[in-house]
C-alpha atoms as a PDB file:
ATOM      1  CA  MET A   1      24.067  74.913  52.685  1.00  0.00           C
ATOM      2  CA  ALA A   2      25.537  71.182  53.591  1.00  0.00           C
ATOM      3  CA  ASN A   3      24.989  72.128  57.131  1.00  0.00           C
ATOM      4  CA  ARG A   4      21.298  72.531  56.084  1.00  0.00           C
ATOM      5  CA  CYS A   5      21.004  69.063  54.145  1.00  0.00           C
ATOM      6  CA  ALA A   6      22.970  67.357  57.103  1.00  0.00           C
ATOM      7  CA  ARG A   7      20.144  68.344  59.355  1.00  0.00           C
ATOM      8  CA  LEU A   8      17.405  67.352  56.970  1.00  0.00           C
ATOM      9  CA  PHE A   9      18.853  63.927  55.944  1.00  0.00           C
ATOM     10  CA  PRO A  10      17.528  62.218  59.453  1.00  0.00           C
ATOM     11  CA  LEU A  11      13.877  63.641  58.586  1.00  0.00           C
ATOM     12  CA  LEU A  12      14.235  62.334  55.192  1.00  0.00           C
ATOM     13  CA  ALA A  13      15.196  58.827  56.019  1.00  0.00           C
ATOM     14  CA  ALA A  14      12.388  58.739  58.617  1.00  0.00           C
ATOM     15  CA  VAL A  15      10.063  59.460  55.911  1.00  0.00           C
ATOM     16  CA  VAL A  16      11.398  56.682  53.516  1.00  0.00           C
ATOM     17  CA  MET A  17      11.215  54.308  56.239  1.00  0.00           C
ATOM     18  CA  VAL A  18       7.486  54.375  56.718  1.00  0.00           C
ATOM     19  CA  VAL A  19       5.352  52.459  54.456  1.00  0.00           C
ATOM     20  CA  PRO A  20       1.890  53.612  53.316  1.00  0.00           C
ATOM     21  CA  SER A  21       0.155  51.579  55.853  1.00  0.00           C
ATOM     22  CA  GLY A  22       1.963  53.570  58.485  1.00  0.00           C
ATOM     23  CA  ARG A  23       3.824  50.623  59.609  1.00  0.00           C
ATOM     24  CA  SER A  24       7.983  51.111  59.887  1.00  0.00           C
ATOM     25  CA  ARG A  25       9.931  48.983  57.794  1.00  0.00           C
ATOM     26  CA  ALA A  26      11.893  48.215  60.966  1.00  0.00           C
ATOM     27  CA  ASP A  27       8.821  46.357  62.481  1.00  0.00           C
ATOM     28  CA  PRO A  28       9.076  42.841  62.156  1.00  0.00           C
ATOM     29  CA  VAL A  29       6.772  40.892  59.579  1.00  0.00           C
ATOM     30  CA  PRO A  30       4.023  38.889  61.479  1.00  0.00           C
ATOM     31  CA  ALA A  31       4.911  35.124  61.929  1.00  0.00           C
ATOM     32  CA  MET A  32       1.622  33.870  60.839  1.00  0.00           C
ATOM     33  CA  VAL A  33       0.888  34.125  57.422  1.00  0.00           C
ATOM     34  CA  ALA A  34      -2.416  32.590  56.072  1.00  0.00           C
ATOM     35  CA  THR A  35      -1.923  29.728  53.536  1.00  0.00           C
ATOM     36  CA  PRO A  36      -4.243  29.706  50.770  1.00  0.00           C
ATOM     37  CA  PRO A  37      -6.728  26.774  51.024  1.00  0.00           C
ATOM     38  CA  PRO A  38      -5.719  23.398  48.591  1.00  0.00           C
ATOM     39  CA  ARG A  39      -7.009  23.950  44.812  1.00  0.00           C
ATOM     40  CA  THR A  40      -6.443  20.612  43.596  1.00  0.00           C
ATOM     41  CA  GLY A  41      -7.904  17.194  44.693  1.00  0.00           C
ATOM     42  CA  ILE A  42      -7.675  13.509  43.478  1.00  0.00           C
ATOM     43  CA  GLY A  43     -10.398  11.124  44.580  1.00  0.00           C
ATOM     44  CA  PHE A  44     -11.868   7.850  44.472  1.00  0.00           C
ATOM     45  CA  ASP A  45     -15.584   7.268  43.979  1.00  0.00           C
ATOM     46  CA  VAL A  46     -18.178   4.425  44.388  1.00  0.00           C
ATOM     47  CA  GLY A  47     -21.860   4.764  43.089  1.00  0.00           C
ATOM     48  CA  ILE A  48     -24.735   3.692  41.431  1.00  0.00           C
ATOM     49  CA  GLY A  49     -25.761   5.382  38.223  1.00  0.00           C
ATOM     50  CA  SER A  50     -23.088   8.265  39.116  1.00  0.00           C
ATOM     51  CA  ALA A  51     -21.147  10.246  36.552  1.00  0.00           C
ATOM     52  CA  ILE A  52     -18.301   7.734  37.012  1.00  0.00           C
ATOM     53  CA  GLY A  53     -20.353   4.545  37.011  1.00  0.00           C
ATOM     54  CA  PHE A  54     -19.765   2.111  39.817  1.00  0.00           C
ATOM     55  CA  THR A  55     -16.349   2.898  40.379  1.00  0.00           C
ATOM     56  CA  GLY A  56     -13.846   5.287  39.344  1.00  0.00           C
ATOM     57  CA  VAL A  57     -11.228   8.398  39.931  1.00  0.00           C
ATOM     58  CA  THR A  58     -11.860  11.971  39.744  1.00  0.00           C
ATOM     59  CA  VAL A  59      -9.536  14.992  39.620  1.00  0.00           C
ATOM     60  CA  MET A  60     -10.956  18.604  40.922  1.00  0.00           C
ATOM     61  CA  GLU A  61      -9.635  21.947  40.572  1.00  0.00           C
ATOM     62  CA  ALA A  62     -11.067  24.742  43.049  1.00  0.00           C
ATOM     63  CA  PHE A  63     -11.772  28.069  41.549  1.00  0.00           C
ATOM     64  CA  GLY A  64     -12.200  30.532  44.627  1.00  0.00           C
ATOM     65  CA  ARG A  65     -14.292  29.351  47.367  1.00  0.00           C
ATOM     66  CA  SER A  66     -17.550  28.536  45.351  1.00  0.00           C
ATOM     67  CA  GLY A  67     -16.436  26.897  42.141  1.00  0.00           C
ATOM     68  CA  ARG A  68     -15.080  23.483  41.046  1.00  0.00           C
ATOM     69  CA  LEU A  69     -14.416  21.575  37.819  1.00  0.00           C
ATOM     70  CA  GLU A  70     -14.145  17.818  37.983  1.00  0.00           C
ATOM     71  CA  VAL A  71     -13.283  15.322  35.260  1.00  0.00           C
ATOM     72  CA  GLY A  72     -13.496  11.679  36.070  1.00  0.00           C
ATOM     73  CA  ALA A  73     -12.990   8.218  34.532  1.00  0.00           C
ATOM     74  CA  GLY A  74     -14.573   5.025  35.883  1.00  0.00           C
ATOM     75  CA  TYR A  75     -16.568   1.854  34.897  1.00  0.00           C
ATOM     76  CA  GLY A  76     -20.470   1.601  34.942  1.00  0.00           C
ATOM     77  CA  TYR A  77     -23.361  -0.492  33.794  1.00  0.00           C
ATOM     78  CA  SER A  78     -22.932   1.145  30.345  1.00  0.00           C
ATOM     79  CA  GLY A  79     -19.069   0.690  30.072  1.00  0.00           C
ATOM     80  CA  TYR A  80     -16.002   2.657  30.894  1.00  0.00           C
ATOM     81  CA  GLN A  81     -17.337   6.420  31.505  1.00  0.00           C
ATOM     82  CA  LEU A  82     -15.437   9.578  31.131  1.00  0.00           C
ATOM     83  CA  SER A  83     -17.169  12.703  32.941  1.00  0.00           C
ATOM     84  CA  PHE A  84     -16.890  16.265  33.385  1.00  0.00           C
ATOM     85  CA  MET A  85     -18.775  18.182  35.994  1.00  0.00           C
ATOM     86  CA  ALA A  86     -19.229  21.842  36.977  1.00  0.00           C
ATOM     87  CA  LYS A  87     -19.881  22.221  40.827  1.00  0.00           C
ATOM     88  CA  ILE A  88     -21.013  25.112  43.319  1.00  0.00           C
ATOM     89  CA  VAL A  89     -19.532  24.700  46.645  1.00  0.00           C
ATOM     90  CA  GLN A  90     -20.725  26.560  49.663  1.00  0.00           C
ATOM     91  CA  GLY A  91     -19.600  26.180  53.346  1.00  0.00           C
ATOM     92  CA  GLU A  92     -16.495  26.882  55.656  1.00  0.00           C
ATOM     93  CA  SER A  93     -12.990  25.663  55.242  1.00  0.00           C
ATOM     94  CA  HIS A  94     -13.798  21.883  56.627  1.00  0.00           C
ATOM     95  CA  ASP A  95     -17.608  21.601  55.570  1.00  0.00           C
ATOM     96  CA  HIS A  96     -19.186  21.907  52.307  1.00  0.00           C
ATOM     97  CA  PHE A  97     -22.353  21.498  50.642  1.00  0.00           C
ATOM     98  CA  MET A  98     -22.184  20.888  46.888  1.00  0.00           C
ATOM     99  CA  ALA A  99     -24.370  20.917  43.972  1.00  0.00           C
ATOM    100  CA  GLY A 100     -23.214  19.873  40.555  1.00  0.00           C
ATOM    101  CA  VAL A 101     -24.224  19.244  36.777  1.00  0.00           C
ATOM    102  CA  GLY A 102     -22.072  17.668  34.117  1.00  0.00           C
ATOM    103  CA  VAL A 103     -22.107  15.123  31.298  1.00  0.00           C
ATOM    104  CA  SER A 104     -20.355  11.714  30.888  1.00  0.00           C
ATOM    105  CA  VAL A 105     -20.006   9.456  27.764  1.00  0.00           C
ATOM    106  CA  ALA A 106     -19.758   5.651  28.056  1.00  0.00           C
ATOM    107  CA  LEU A 107     -17.541   3.378  25.869  1.00  0.00           C
ATOM    108  CA  PRO A 108     -19.178   0.069  26.094  1.00  0.00           C
ATOM    109  CA  GLY A 109     -16.423  -2.128  24.425  1.00  0.00           C
ATOM    110  CA  ASP A 110     -17.542  -5.723  24.224  1.00  0.00           C
ATOM    111  CA  THR A 111     -20.477  -5.647  26.488  1.00  0.00           C
ATOM    112  CA  PRO A 112     -23.877  -6.691  25.393  1.00  0.00           C
ATOM    113  CA  LEU A 113     -25.656  -4.335  27.823  1.00  0.00           C
ATOM    114  CA  ALA A 114     -24.858  -1.208  25.844  1.00  0.00           C
ATOM    115  CA  SER A 115     -24.062  -0.090  22.124  1.00  0.00           C
ATOM    116  CA  GLY A 116     -22.901   3.109  20.637  1.00  0.00           C
ATOM    117  CA  HIS A 117     -21.455   5.858  22.834  1.00  0.00           C
ATOM    118  CA  PRO A 118     -24.287   6.781  25.277  1.00  0.00           C
ATOM    119  CA  VAL A 119     -24.181  10.186  26.620  1.00  0.00           C
ATOM    120  CA  TRP A 120     -25.592  10.784  30.003  1.00  0.00           C
ATOM    121  CA  LEU A 121     -26.907  14.152  31.738  1.00  0.00           C
ATOM    122  CA  ASN A 122     -25.666  13.874  35.709  1.00  0.00           C
ATOM    123  CA  ILE A 123     -27.029  16.047  38.404  1.00  0.00           C
ATOM    124  CA  ASP A 124     -25.424  15.983  41.905  1.00  0.00           C
ATOM    125  CA  ALA A 125     -28.374  17.756  43.326  1.00  0.00           C
ATOM    126  CA  ILE A 126     -27.231  17.527  46.983  1.00  0.00           C
ATOM    127  CA  GLY A 127     -23.696  16.866  48.139  1.00  0.00           C
ATOM    128  CA  TYR A 128     -21.544  17.242  51.231  1.00  0.00           C
ATOM    129  CA  GLU A 129     -17.919  16.851  51.858  1.00  0.00           C
ATOM    130  CA  HIS A 130     -15.949  17.154  55.105  1.00  0.00           C
ATOM    131  CA  ARG A 131     -12.036  18.034  54.616  1.00  0.00           C
ATOM    132  CA  PHE A 132      -9.652  17.162  57.489  1.00  0.00           C
ATOM    133  CA  ASP A 133      -6.684  19.173  58.152  1.00  0.00           C
ATOM    134  CA  THR A 134      -4.467  16.557  56.554  1.00  0.00           C
ATOM    135  CA  GLY A 135      -6.191  17.299  53.298  1.00  0.00           C
ATOM    136  CA  ILE A 136      -8.091  14.100  53.164  1.00  0.00           C
ATOM    137  CA  ALA A 137     -11.686  14.789  52.187  1.00  0.00           C
ATOM    138  CA  LEU A 138     -14.861  12.558  52.288  1.00  0.00           C
ATOM    139  CA  SER A 139     -17.964  13.409  50.253  1.00  0.00           C
ATOM    140  CA  ALA A 140     -21.385  11.977  49.345  1.00  0.00           C
ATOM    141  CA  ALA A 141     -23.735  13.117  46.412  1.00  0.00           C
ATOM    142  CA  LEU A 142     -27.374  11.980  45.452  1.00  0.00           C
ATOM    143  CA  GLY A 143     -29.117  13.306  42.396  1.00  0.00           C
ATOM    144  CA  MET A 144     -30.424  12.155  39.105  1.00  0.00           C
ATOM    145  CA  SER A 145     -29.108  10.519  35.625  1.00  0.00           C
ATOM    146  CA  GLY A 146     -30.760  10.766  32.389  1.00  0.00           C
ATOM    147  CA  GLY A 147     -29.749   9.791  28.868  1.00  0.00           C
ATOM    148  CA  LEU A 148     -28.880  12.517  26.335  1.00  0.00           C
ATOM    149  CA  GLY A 149     -28.431  10.201  23.456  1.00  0.00           C
ATOM    150  CA  GLY A 150     -25.885   8.483  21.422  1.00  0.00           C
ATOM    151  CA  GLY A 151     -26.294   4.726  22.302  1.00  0.00           C
ATOM    152  CA  ALA A 152     -28.805   2.121  23.632  1.00  0.00           C
ATOM    153  CA  ILE A 153     -28.888  -0.174  26.739  1.00  0.00           C
ATOM    154  CA  CYS A 154     -30.799  -2.988  27.776  1.00  0.00           C
ATOM    155  CA  PHE A 155     -31.567  -4.646  31.122  1.00  0.00           C
ATOM    156  CA  PRO A 156     -31.164  -8.454  31.686  1.00  0.00           C
ATOM    157  CA  PRO A 157     -34.929  -9.137  32.599  1.00  0.00           C
ATOM    158  CA  ASP A 158     -36.003  -7.828  29.138  1.00  0.00           C
ATOM    159  CA  GLY A 159     -32.950  -9.641  27.357  1.00  0.00           C
ATOM    160  CA  CYS A 160     -29.972  -8.309  26.036  1.00  0.00           C
ATOM    161  CA  GLU A 161     -30.033  -9.050  22.258  1.00  0.00           C
ATOM    162  CA  PRO A 162     -29.715  -5.976  20.120  1.00  0.00           C
ATOM    163  CA  GLN A 163     -33.452  -5.806  19.332  1.00  0.00           C
ATOM    164  CA  PHE A 164     -34.226  -5.187  22.916  1.00  0.00           C
ATOM    165  CA  GLN A 165     -31.858  -2.390  23.600  1.00  0.00           C
ATOM    166  CA  ASN A 166     -33.805   0.861  23.977  1.00  0.00           C
ATOM    167  CA  SER A 167     -32.249   4.598  23.440  1.00  0.00           C
ATOM    168  CA  VAL A 168     -30.794   6.028  26.522  1.00  0.00           C
ATOM    169  CA  THR A 169     -33.007   8.834  26.109  1.00  0.00           C
ATOM    170  CA  GLU A 170     -35.908   6.808  27.523  1.00  0.00           C
ATOM    171  CA  TYR A 171     -34.071   6.530  31.079  1.00  0.00           C
ATOM    172  CA  LEU A 172     -33.909   8.636  34.159  1.00  0.00           C
ATOM    173  CA  PHE A 173     -32.903   7.390  37.376  1.00  0.00           C
ATOM    174  CA  PRO A 174     -31.719   8.376  40.530  1.00  0.00           C
ATOM    175  CA  GLN A 175     -27.865   8.411  41.395  1.00  0.00           C
ATOM    176  CA  GLY A 176     -25.554   8.302  44.163  1.00  0.00           C
ATOM    177  CA  ARG A 177     -22.044   8.102  45.174  1.00  0.00           C
ATOM    178  CA  VAL A 178     -19.505   8.386  48.018  1.00  0.00           C
ATOM    179  CA  GLY A 179     -15.789   9.119  47.842  1.00  0.00           C
ATOM    180  CA  VAL A 180     -12.562   9.856  49.294  1.00  0.00           C
ATOM    181  CA  ALA A 181      -9.999  12.545  48.207  1.00  0.00           C
ATOM    182  CA  TYR A 182      -6.985  14.314  48.986  1.00  0.00           C
ATOM    183  CA  TRP A 183      -6.570  17.898  48.247  1.00  0.00           C
ATOM    184  CA  PHE A 184      -3.362  19.261  47.728  1.00  0.00           C
END
């Protein structure tokens, strides 16, 4: 019986050494392992009528290959802006086409140009991003912004006394922005 077990031991050891893929555990592991794409980006944007106003910073988080969430803070015509935008992303690892929709709220402070807390709907209808191997990305987006309520603004040709301020719901205008970001 012991002689029989001694003969089966090498066969049993060979079966155990083979993994379900059929590859022996003694085979070397491939040296190239694909690294996942960066998931988090921090950016600086400038624009007109955009979600972050004239200038601001954004933080982006990627979810899979085609989804992103972006939060931002900046300064625009109606004061300081806080924004939130969901984006759809399509493309390869270096070049992406993007579209997004989100809201921003303005905190006018002491500016006579706005009152209340204007809430804006922001649509990045078409956007493009090129990401370099270094993680640096350049982007541009065009779209529309419109007032949802919460405040009023005026434009200097009208005069900016409180009686000349109109509800932000009366405004719909084109917007655009360009940016640079670092993804890690």
